[in-house]
Amino acid sequence: MPVAVLPFIQKQMIQYGMTIYLALDLVRSICNCNMFTEHSCREKGSSIYLLSLSIFTMIYLNCVSEK
C-alpha cells in the first residue's frame, strides 16, 4: 500500500511545489525590476544588465508555465 501512495504524493508535490516556486520567482523578478528602475540604479551598467535579466526571467516563466 505505501508504494502505491508514493507516485500520488510525488505528483502533488510537483504540482503544488512548482506552482509556488513559479509564483515566488515571478514576485522576485517584479521586485528586482522595481529596484533596478530607480534613478540611482539606472546609470550603472550592472543594474541595466540585472534589469534585463529580470525581464527575461519573467518572460521565460510565462512561457514555461503555459506548457
PDB file of N, CA and C in Angstrom:
ATOM      1  N   MET A   1       0.804  -1.205   0.000  1.00  0.00           N
ATOM      2  CA  MET A   1       0.000   0.000   0.000  1.00  0.00           C
ATOM      3  C   MET A   1       0.848   1.271   0.000  1.00  0.00           C
ATOM      4  N   PRO A   2       1.900   1.400   0.821  1.00  0.00           N
ATOM      5  CA  PRO A   2       2.684   2.636   0.813  1.00  0.00           C
ATOM      6  C   PRO A   2       3.357   2.900  -0.529  1.00  0.00           C
ATOM      7  N   VAL A   3       3.697   1.844  -1.269  1.00  0.00           N
ATOM      8  CA  VAL A   3       4.359   2.034  -2.559  1.00  0.00           C
ATOM      9  C   VAL A   3       3.397   2.670  -3.558  1.00  0.00           C
ATOM     10  N   ALA A   4       2.120   2.352  -3.477  1.00  0.00           N
ATOM     11  CA  ALA A   4       1.131   2.915  -4.388  1.00  0.00           C
ATOM     12  C   ALA A   4       0.846   4.382  -4.077  1.00  0.00           C
ATOM     13  N   VAL A   5       1.097   4.789  -2.866  1.00  0.00           N
ATOM     14  CA  VAL A   5       0.818   6.164  -2.463  1.00  0.00           C
ATOM     15  C   VAL A   5       1.942   7.106  -2.898  1.00  0.00           C
ATOM     16  N   LEU A   6       3.154   6.602  -3.033  1.00  0.00           N
ATOM     17  CA  LEU A   6       4.305   7.446  -3.360  1.00  0.00           C
ATOM     18  C   LEU A   6       4.166   8.209  -4.682  1.00  0.00           C
ATOM     19  N   PRO A   7       3.712   7.592  -5.778  1.00  0.00           N
ATOM     20  CA  PRO A   7       3.537   8.374  -7.016  1.00  0.00           C
ATOM     21  C   PRO A   7       2.511   9.498  -6.861  1.00  0.00           C
ATOM     22  N   PHE A   8       1.464   9.253  -6.099  1.00  0.00           N
ATOM     23  CA  PHE A   8       0.461  10.292  -5.857  1.00  0.00           C
ATOM     24  C   PHE A   8       1.068  11.470  -5.096  1.00  0.00           C
ATOM     25  N   ILE A   9       1.837  11.171  -4.066  1.00  0.00           N
ATOM     26  CA  ILE A   9       2.485  12.217  -3.273  1.00  0.00           C
ATOM     27  C   ILE A   9       3.478  12.986  -4.132  1.00  0.00           C
ATOM     28  N   GLN A  10       4.235  12.273  -4.959  1.00  0.00           N
ATOM     29  CA  GLN A  10       5.200  12.922  -5.836  1.00  0.00           C
ATOM     30  C   GLN A  10       4.497  13.858  -6.821  1.00  0.00           C
ATOM     31  N   LYS A  11       3.389  13.411  -7.385  1.00  0.00           N
ATOM     32  CA  LYS A  11       2.639  14.233  -8.332  1.00  0.00           C
ATOM     33  C   LYS A  11       2.117  15.496  -7.660  1.00  0.00           C
ATOM     34  N   GLN A  12       1.603  15.365  -6.452  1.00  0.00           N
ATOM     35  CA  GLN A  12       1.075  16.520  -5.730  1.00  0.00           C
ATOM     36  C   GLN A  12       2.188  17.501  -5.357  1.00  0.00           C
ATOM     37  N   MET A  13       3.330  16.974  -4.940  1.00  0.00           N
ATOM     38  CA  MET A  13       4.446  17.850  -4.570  1.00  0.00           C
ATOM     39  C   MET A  13       4.964  18.613  -5.783  1.00  0.00           C
ATOM     40  N   ILE A  14       5.035  17.954  -6.924  1.00  0.00           N
ATOM     41  CA  ILE A  14       5.485  18.629  -8.142  1.00  0.00           C
ATOM     42  C   ILE A  14       4.468  19.683  -8.570  1.00  0.00           C
ATOM     43  N   GLN A  15       3.189  19.337  -8.519  1.00  0.00           N
ATOM     44  CA  GLN A  15       2.154  20.262  -8.955  1.00  0.00           C
ATOM     45  C   GLN A  15       2.115  21.518  -8.083  1.00  0.00           C
ATOM     46  N   TYR A  16       2.043  21.338  -6.782  1.00  0.00           N
ATOM     47  CA  TYR A  16       1.923  22.498  -5.893  1.00  0.00           C
ATOM     48  C   TYR A  16       3.272  23.147  -5.614  1.00  0.00           C
ATOM     49  N   GLY A  17       4.310  22.365  -5.526  1.00  0.00           N
ATOM     50  CA  GLY A  17       5.630  22.913  -5.267  1.00  0.00           C
ATOM     51  C   GLY A  17       6.112  23.784  -6.405  1.00  0.00           C
ATOM     52  N   MET A  18       5.923  23.344  -7.634  1.00  0.00           N
ATOM     53  CA  MET A  18       6.358  24.126  -8.779  1.00  0.00           C
ATOM     54  C   MET A  18       5.490  25.371  -8.962  1.00  0.00           C
ATOM     55  N   THR A  19       4.212  25.280  -8.611  1.00  0.00           N
ATOM     56  CA  THR A  19       3.351  26.455  -8.683  1.00  0.00           C
ATOM     57  C   THR A  19       3.823  27.526  -7.711  1.00  0.00           C
ATOM     58  N   ILE A  20       4.148  27.118  -6.501  1.00  0.00           N
ATOM     59  CA  ILE A  20       4.653  28.060  -5.506  1.00  0.00           C
ATOM     60  C   ILE A  20       5.999  28.621  -5.948  1.00  0.00           C
ATOM     61  N   TYR A  21       6.847  27.770  -6.481  1.00  0.00           N
ATOM     62  CA  TYR A  21       8.161  28.214  -6.956  1.00  0.00           C
ATOM     63  C   TYR A  21       8.016  29.246  -8.073  1.00  0.00           C
ATOM     64  N   LEU A  22       7.141  29.002  -9.041  1.00  0.00           N
ATOM     65  CA  LEU A  22       6.951  29.942 -10.135  1.00  0.00           C
ATOM     66  C   LEU A  22       6.380  31.267  -9.636  1.00  0.00           C
ATOM     67  N   ALA A  23       5.446  31.210  -8.698  1.00  0.00           N
ATOM     68  CA  ALA A  23       4.853  32.434  -8.170  1.00  0.00           C
ATOM     69  C   ALA A  23       5.890  33.262  -7.414  1.00  0.00           C
ATOM     70  N   LEU A  24       6.683  32.613  -6.581  1.00  0.00           N
ATOM     71  CA  LEU A  24       7.696  33.339  -5.827  1.00  0.00           C
ATOM     72  C   LEU A  24       8.777  33.916  -6.741  1.00  0.00           C
ATOM     73  N   ASP A  25       9.136  33.185  -7.771  1.00  0.00           N
ATOM     74  CA  ASP A  25      10.147  33.679  -8.703  1.00  0.00           C
ATOM     75  C   ASP A  25       9.613  34.864  -9.506  1.00  0.00           C
ATOM     76  N   LEU A  26       8.332  34.840  -9.843  1.00  0.00           N
ATOM     77  CA  LEU A  26       7.736  35.962 -10.543  1.00  0.00           C
ATOM     78  C   LEU A  26       7.698  37.199  -9.651  1.00  0.00           C
ATOM     79  N   VAL A  27       7.352  37.031  -8.388  1.00  0.00           N
ATOM     80  CA  VAL A  27       7.350  38.153  -7.443  1.00  0.00           C
ATOM     81  C   VAL A  27       8.765  38.702  -7.273  1.00  0.00           C
ATOM     82  N   ARG A  28       9.745  37.817  -7.192  1.00  0.00           N
ATOM     83  CA  ARG A  28      11.143  38.247  -7.058  1.00  0.00           C
ATOM     84  C   ARG A  28      11.583  39.063  -8.271  1.00  0.00           C
ATOM     85  N   SER A  29      11.202  38.638  -9.452  1.00  0.00           N
ATOM     86  CA  SER A  29      11.583  39.368 -10.666  1.00  0.00           C
ATOM     87  C   SER A  29      10.913  40.737 -10.726  1.00  0.00           C
ATOM     88  N   ILE A  30       9.670  40.820 -10.292  1.00  0.00           N
ATOM     89  CA  ILE A  30       8.971  42.103 -10.271  1.00  0.00           C
ATOM     90  C   ILE A  30       9.646  43.051  -9.281  1.00  0.00           C
ATOM     91  N   CYS A  31      10.005  42.535  -8.110  1.00  0.00           N
ATOM     92  CA  CYS A  31      10.712  43.367  -7.123  1.00  0.00           C
ATOM     93  C   CYS A  31      12.062  43.828  -7.654  1.00  0.00           C
ATOM     94  N   ASN A  32      12.759  42.965  -8.354  1.00  0.00           N
ATOM     95  CA  ASN A  32      14.038  43.352  -8.962  1.00  0.00           C
ATOM     96  C   ASN A  32      13.841  44.462  -9.988  1.00  0.00           C
ATOM     97  N   CYS A  33      12.799  44.340 -10.806  1.00  0.00           N
ATOM     98  CA  CYS A  33      12.533  45.377 -11.802  1.00  0.00           C
ATOM     99  C   CYS A  33      12.236  46.714 -11.129  1.00  0.00           C
ATOM    100  N   ASN A  34      11.465  46.685 -10.053  1.00  0.00           N
ATOM    101  CA  ASN A  34      11.180  47.925  -9.330  1.00  0.00           C
ATOM    102  C   ASN A  34      12.453  48.528  -8.751  1.00  0.00           C
ATOM    103  N   MET A  35      13.301  47.687  -8.225  1.00  0.00           N
ATOM    104  CA  MET A  35      14.519  48.180  -7.599  1.00  0.00           C
ATOM    105  C   MET A  35      15.497  48.741  -8.633  1.00  0.00           C
ATOM    106  N   PHE A  36      15.655  48.047  -9.760  1.00  0.00           N
ATOM    107  CA  PHE A  36      16.646  48.460 -10.744  1.00  0.00           C
ATOM    108  C   PHE A  36      16.180  49.590 -11.656  1.00  0.00           C
ATOM    109  N   THR A  37      14.907  49.985 -11.576  1.00  0.00           N
ATOM    110  CA  THR A  37      14.446  51.118 -12.375  1.00  0.00           C
ATOM    111  C   THR A  37      14.496  52.425 -11.590  1.00  0.00           C
ATOM    112  N   GLU A  38      14.959  52.403 -10.351  1.00  0.00           N
ATOM    113  CA  GLU A  38      15.122  53.643  -9.595  1.00  0.00           C
ATOM    114  C   GLU A  38      16.211  54.494 -10.244  1.00  0.00           C
ATOM    115  N   HIS A  39      16.116  55.772 -10.022  1.00  0.00           N
ATOM    116  CA  HIS A  39      17.023  56.717 -10.685  1.00  0.00           C
ATOM    117  C   HIS A  39      18.494  56.459 -10.341  1.00  0.00           C
ATOM    118  N   SER A  40      18.763  56.096  -9.110  1.00  0.00           N
ATOM    119  CA  SER A  40      20.160  55.884  -8.716  1.00  0.00           C
ATOM    120  C   SER A  40      20.767  54.638  -9.353  1.00  0.00           C
ATOM    121  N   CYS A  41      19.933  53.701  -9.765  1.00  0.00           N
ATOM    122  CA  CYS A  41      20.452  52.457 -10.344  1.00  0.00           C
ATOM    123  C   CYS A  41      20.469  52.456 -11.867  1.00  0.00           C
ATOM    124  N   ARG A  42      19.737  53.357 -12.487  1.00  0.00           N
ATOM    125  CA  ARG A  42      19.617  53.325 -13.940  1.00  0.00           C
ATOM    126  C   ARG A  42      20.911  53.633 -14.673  1.00  0.00           C
ATOM    127  N   GLU A  43      21.817  54.307 -14.038  1.00  0.00           N
ATOM    128  CA  GLU A  43      23.031  54.740 -14.726  1.00  0.00           C
ATOM    129  C   GLU A  43      24.152  53.707 -14.686  1.00  0.00           C
ATOM    130  N   LYS A  44      24.025  52.692 -13.864  1.00  0.00           N
ATOM    131  CA  LYS A  44      25.079  51.694 -13.728  1.00  0.00           C
ATOM    132  C   LYS A  44      24.845  50.559 -14.732  1.00  0.00           C
ATOM    133  N   GLY A  45      25.923  50.129 -15.346  1.00  0.00           N
ATOM    134  CA  GLY A  45      25.811  49.070 -16.349  1.00  0.00           C
ATOM    135  C   GLY A  45      25.337  47.749 -15.774  1.00  0.00           C
ATOM    136  N   SER A  46      25.803  47.440 -14.587  1.00  0.00           N
ATOM    137  CA  SER A  46      25.390  46.164 -13.988  1.00  0.00           C
ATOM    138  C   SER A  46      23.914  46.166 -13.638  1.00  0.00           C
ATOM    139  N   SER A  47      23.374  47.315 -13.268  1.00  0.00           N
ATOM    140  CA  SER A  47      21.946  47.399 -12.955  1.00  0.00           C
ATOM    141  C   SER A  47      21.100  47.207 -14.203  1.00  0.00           C
ATOM    142  N   ILE A  48      21.574  47.743 -15.318  1.00  0.00           N
ATOM    143  CA  ILE A  48      20.853  47.562 -16.577  1.00  0.00           C
ATOM    144  C   ILE A  48      20.870  46.098 -16.981  1.00  0.00           C
ATOM    145  N   TYR A  49      22.007  45.451 -16.788  1.00  0.00           N
ATOM    146  CA  TYR A  49      22.112  44.021 -17.085  1.00  0.00           C
ATOM    147  C   TYR A  49      21.162  43.218 -16.198  1.00  0.00           C
ATOM    148  N   LEU A  50      21.132  43.505 -14.910  1.00  0.00           N
ATOM    149  CA  LEU A  50      20.270  42.769 -13.993  1.00  0.00           C
ATOM    150  C   LEU A  50      18.787  43.064 -14.247  1.00  0.00           C
ATOM    151  N   LEU A  51      18.470  44.277 -14.668  1.00  0.00           N
ATOM    152  CA  LEU A  51      17.095  44.608 -15.033  1.00  0.00           C
ATOM    153  C   LEU A  51      16.654  43.797 -16.244  1.00  0.00           C
ATOM    154  N   SER A  52      17.504  43.730 -17.252  1.00  0.00           N
ATOM    155  CA  SER A  52      17.148  42.935 -18.435  1.00  0.00           C
ATOM    156  C   SER A  52      17.057  41.449 -18.095  1.00  0.00           C
ATOM    157  N   LEU A  53      17.894  40.989 -17.195  1.00  0.00           N
ATOM    158  CA  LEU A  53      17.812  39.596 -16.758  1.00  0.00           C
ATOM    159  C   LEU A  53      16.488  39.314 -16.054  1.00  0.00           C
ATOM    160  N   SER A  54      16.035  40.233 -15.242  1.00  0.00           N
ATOM    161  CA  SER A  54      14.755  40.065 -14.549  1.00  0.00           C
ATOM    162  C   SER A  54      13.587  40.083 -15.524  1.00  0.00           C
ATOM    163  N   ILE A  55      13.659  40.940 -16.525  1.00  0.00           N
ATOM    164  CA  ILE A  55      12.587  40.995 -17.529  1.00  0.00           C
ATOM    165  C   ILE A  55      12.538  39.698 -18.320  1.00  0.00           C
ATOM    166  N   PHE A  56      13.694  39.196 -18.742  1.00  0.00           N
ATOM    167  CA  PHE A  56      13.711  37.947 -19.499  1.00  0.00           C
ATOM    168  C   PHE A  56      13.318  36.749 -18.623  1.00  0.00           C
ATOM    169  N   THR A  57      13.596  36.825 -17.333  1.00  0.00           N
ATOM    170  CA  THR A  57      13.150  35.774 -16.423  1.00  0.00           C
ATOM    171  C   THR A  57      11.638  35.732 -16.356  1.00  0.00           C
ATOM    172  N   MET A  58      11.002  36.901 -16.299  1.00  0.00           N
ATOM    173  CA  MET A  58       9.536  36.937 -16.282  1.00  0.00           C
ATOM    174  C   MET A  58       8.960  36.389 -17.582  1.00  0.00           C
ATOM    175  N   ILE A  59       9.565  36.734 -18.698  1.00  0.00           N
ATOM    176  CA  ILE A  59       9.103  36.210 -19.989  1.00  0.00           C
ATOM    177  C   ILE A  59       9.264  34.699 -20.039  1.00  0.00           C
ATOM    178  N   TYR A  60      10.408  34.218 -19.583  1.00  0.00           N
ATOM    179  CA  TYR A  60      10.670  32.779 -19.569  1.00  0.00           C
ATOM    180  C   TYR A  60       9.676  32.039 -18.661  1.00  0.00           C
ATOM    181  N   LEU A  61       9.410  32.592 -17.496  1.00  0.00           N
ATOM    182  CA  LEU A  61       8.463  31.943 -16.576  1.00  0.00           C
ATOM    183  C   LEU A  61       7.069  31.880 -17.171  1.00  0.00           C
ATOM    184  N   ASN A  62       6.674  32.919 -17.889  1.00  0.00           N
ATOM    185  CA  ASN A  62       5.360  32.893 -18.541  1.00  0.00           C
ATOM    186  C   ASN A  62       5.311  31.831 -19.644  1.00  0.00           C
ATOM    187  N   CYS A  63       6.403  31.683 -20.381  1.00  0.00           N
ATOM    188  CA  CYS A  63       6.432  30.659 -21.443  1.00  0.00           C
ATOM    189  C   CYS A  63       6.447  29.259 -20.856  1.00  0.00           C
ATOM    190  N   VAL A  64       7.176  29.043 -19.784  1.00  0.00           N
ATOM    191  CA  VAL A  64       7.275  27.716 -19.185  1.00  0.00           C
ATOM    192  C   VAL A  64       5.978  27.316 -18.494  1.00  0.00           C
ATOM    193  N   SER A  65       5.335  28.260 -17.834  1.00  0.00           N
ATOM    194  CA  SER A  65       4.135  27.931 -17.069  1.00  0.00           C
ATOM    195  C   SER A  65       2.939  27.646 -17.966  1.00  0.00           C
ATOM    196  N   GLU A  66       2.972  28.035 -19.228  1.00  0.00           N
ATOM    197  CA  GLU A  66       1.862  27.788 -20.128  1.00  0.00           C
ATOM    198  C   GLU A  66       1.837  26.352 -20.651  1.00  0.00           C
ATOM    199  N   LYS A  67       2.935  25.658 -20.552  1.00  0.00           N
ATOM    200  CA  LYS A  67       3.012  24.294 -21.098  1.00  0.00           C
ATOM    201  C   LYS A  67       2.315  23.311 -20.215  1.00  0.00           C
TER     202      LYS A  67
END
